[in-house]
Amino acid sequence: MWTWALRKMPWKTLLVHAPTIVDAARNFYATSRSPTTDGTSRATPGNETERLRRAVEELEARAGQQAALLADLAKQAQALAAALDVLRARVLVALVAATVALVLAVATTGVLLWR
């Protein structure tokens, strides 16, 4: 069962984009870790406002990273679709060539047996 999944995986595409995926994962992990607070700071309106402003900035940064990641995924999906179209055309050409070869082989066998 797993061998089927391993054979269907686009390994070349994954290997080409592996550095991008790893960098995006590291950046996402680094920005998603929130600093721990020990609870000793006083909750004043100024501190609360600053904390909320930083949280909004972090969320905006994450949204930008996710948008860039989605754009990269869209490019990869487009490349895979183009590769699929090329493969579809190649399979069609191979099918036509195999059909022609089969017809020629049957005709040649018929001619040789007729003599």
Protein backbone atom coordinates (compact mmCIF):
# COMPACT_ATOMS: atom_id res chain seq x y z
CA MET A 1 0.00 0.00 0.00
CA TRP A 2 2.78 2.46 0.89
CA THR A 3 4.74 1.57 -2.22
CA TRP A 4 1.90 2.88 -4.36
CA ALA A 5 1.97 6.20 -2.50
CA LEU A 6 5.74 6.41 -2.81
CA ARG A 7 5.61 5.78 -6.55
CA LYS A 8 2.92 8.44 -7.09
CA MET A 9 4.86 11.13 -5.19
CA PRO A 10 6.38 13.82 -7.46
CA TRP A 11 9.89 13.36 -6.02
CA LYS A 12 11.65 15.55 -8.57
CA THR A 13 9.38 18.48 -7.81
CA LEU A 14 9.75 17.96 -4.09
CA LEU A 15 13.53 17.81 -4.33
CA VAL A 16 13.65 20.94 -6.48
CA HIS A 17 11.51 22.91 -4.02
CA ALA A 18 12.85 21.31 -0.83
CA PRO A 19 15.07 24.27 0.15
CA THR A 20 12.15 26.68 -0.25
CA ILE A 21 9.88 24.43 1.79
CA VAL A 22 12.47 24.04 4.55
CA ASP A 23 13.16 27.79 4.71
CA ALA A 24 9.45 28.59 4.84
CA ALA A 25 8.93 26.01 7.58
CA ARG A 26 11.85 27.39 9.62
CA ASN A 27 10.61 30.96 9.25
CA PHE A 28 7.10 29.96 10.18
CA TYR A 29 8.33 28.02 13.20
CA ALA A 30 10.56 30.87 14.33
CA THR A 31 7.77 33.44 14.08
CA SER A 32 5.08 31.22 15.55
CA ARG A 33 6.92 30.70 18.83
CA SER A 34 5.63 33.26 21.24
CA PRO A 35 7.88 34.50 24.03
CA THR A 36 6.90 33.28 27.45
CA THR A 37 5.96 35.84 30.03
CA ASP A 38 6.58 35.37 33.69
CA GLY A 39 3.54 37.39 34.68
CA THR A 40 5.52 40.03 36.59
CA SER A 41 4.71 42.92 34.25
CA ARG A 42 1.86 45.15 35.26
CA ALA A 43 -1.07 45.35 32.92
CA THR A 44 -1.27 49.05 32.29
CA PRO A 45 -3.22 50.50 29.37
CA GLY A 46 0.02 51.60 27.69
CA ASN A 47 1.59 48.14 28.03
CA GLU A 48 -1.59 46.44 26.86
CA THR A 49 -1.78 48.69 23.81
CA GLU A 50 1.87 48.02 22.96
CA ARG A 51 1.38 44.28 23.41
CA LEU A 52 -1.67 44.31 21.13
CA ARG A 53 0.19 46.39 18.53
CA ARG A 54 3.06 43.86 18.51
CA ALA A 55 0.57 40.99 18.24
CA VAL A 56 -1.11 42.65 15.24
CA GLU A 57 2.28 43.22 13.58
CA GLU A 58 3.18 39.57 14.11
CA LEU A 59 -0.14 38.48 12.63
CA GLU A 60 0.39 40.72 9.61
CA ALA A 61 3.90 39.30 9.13
CA ARG A 62 2.54 35.77 9.32
CA ALA A 63 -0.20 36.63 6.85
CA GLY A 64 2.43 37.93 4.43
CA GLN A 65 4.48 34.76 4.82
CA GLN A 66 1.42 32.62 4.24
CA ALA A 67 0.51 34.63 1.16
CA ALA A 68 4.02 34.13 -0.21
CA LEU A 69 3.80 30.42 0.55
CA LEU A 70 0.43 30.18 -1.19
CA ALA A 71 1.82 32.02 -4.21
CA ASP A 72 4.71 29.54 -4.33
CA LEU A 73 2.29 26.63 -4.05
CA ALA A 74 0.21 28.10 -6.88
CA LYS A 75 3.32 28.33 -9.06
CA GLN A 76 4.16 24.71 -8.25
CA ALA A 77 0.60 23.59 -9.07
CA GLN A 78 0.79 25.47 -12.36
CA ALA A 79 4.12 23.82 -13.18
CA LEU A 80 2.67 20.41 -12.34
CA ALA A 81 -0.34 21.08 -14.56
CA ALA A 82 1.93 22.07 -17.44
CA ALA A 83 4.03 18.95 -16.92
CA LEU A 84 0.86 16.87 -16.87
CA ASP A 85 -0.23 18.37 -20.20
CA VAL A 86 3.16 17.51 -21.71
CA LEU A 87 2.95 13.97 -20.37
CA ARG A 88 -0.60 13.62 -21.69
CA ALA A 89 0.59 14.65 -25.17
CA ARG A 90 3.52 12.24 -25.00
CA VAL A 91 1.25 9.36 -23.98
CA LEU A 92 -1.08 10.18 -26.86
CA VAL A 93 1.83 10.15 -29.33
CA ALA A 94 3.08 6.87 -27.85
CA LEU A 95 -0.40 5.35 -28.12
CA VAL A 96 -0.73 6.39 -31.76
CA ALA A 97 2.77 5.04 -32.52
CA ALA A 98 1.98 1.76 -30.78
CA THR A 99 -1.28 1.43 -32.72
CA VAL A 100 0.50 2.07 -36.03
CA ALA A 101 3.21 -0.46 -35.07
CA LEU A 102 0.57 -3.04 -34.16
CA VAL A 103 -1.29 -2.54 -37.44
CA LEU A 104 1.97 -2.85 -39.39
CA ALA A 105 2.94 -5.98 -37.46
CA VAL A 106 -0.43 -7.62 -38.10
CA ALA A 107 -0.32 -6.64 -41.77
CA THR A 108 3.24 -7.96 -42.13
CA THR A 109 2.31 -11.22 -40.43
CA GLY A 110 -0.73 -11.56 -42.69
CA VAL A 111 1.36 -10.95 -45.81
CA LEU A 112 4.02 -13.47 -44.71
CA LEU A 113 1.42 -16.12 -43.89
CA TRP A 114 -0.45 -15.48 -47.15
CA ARG A 115 2.59 -16.40 -49.27
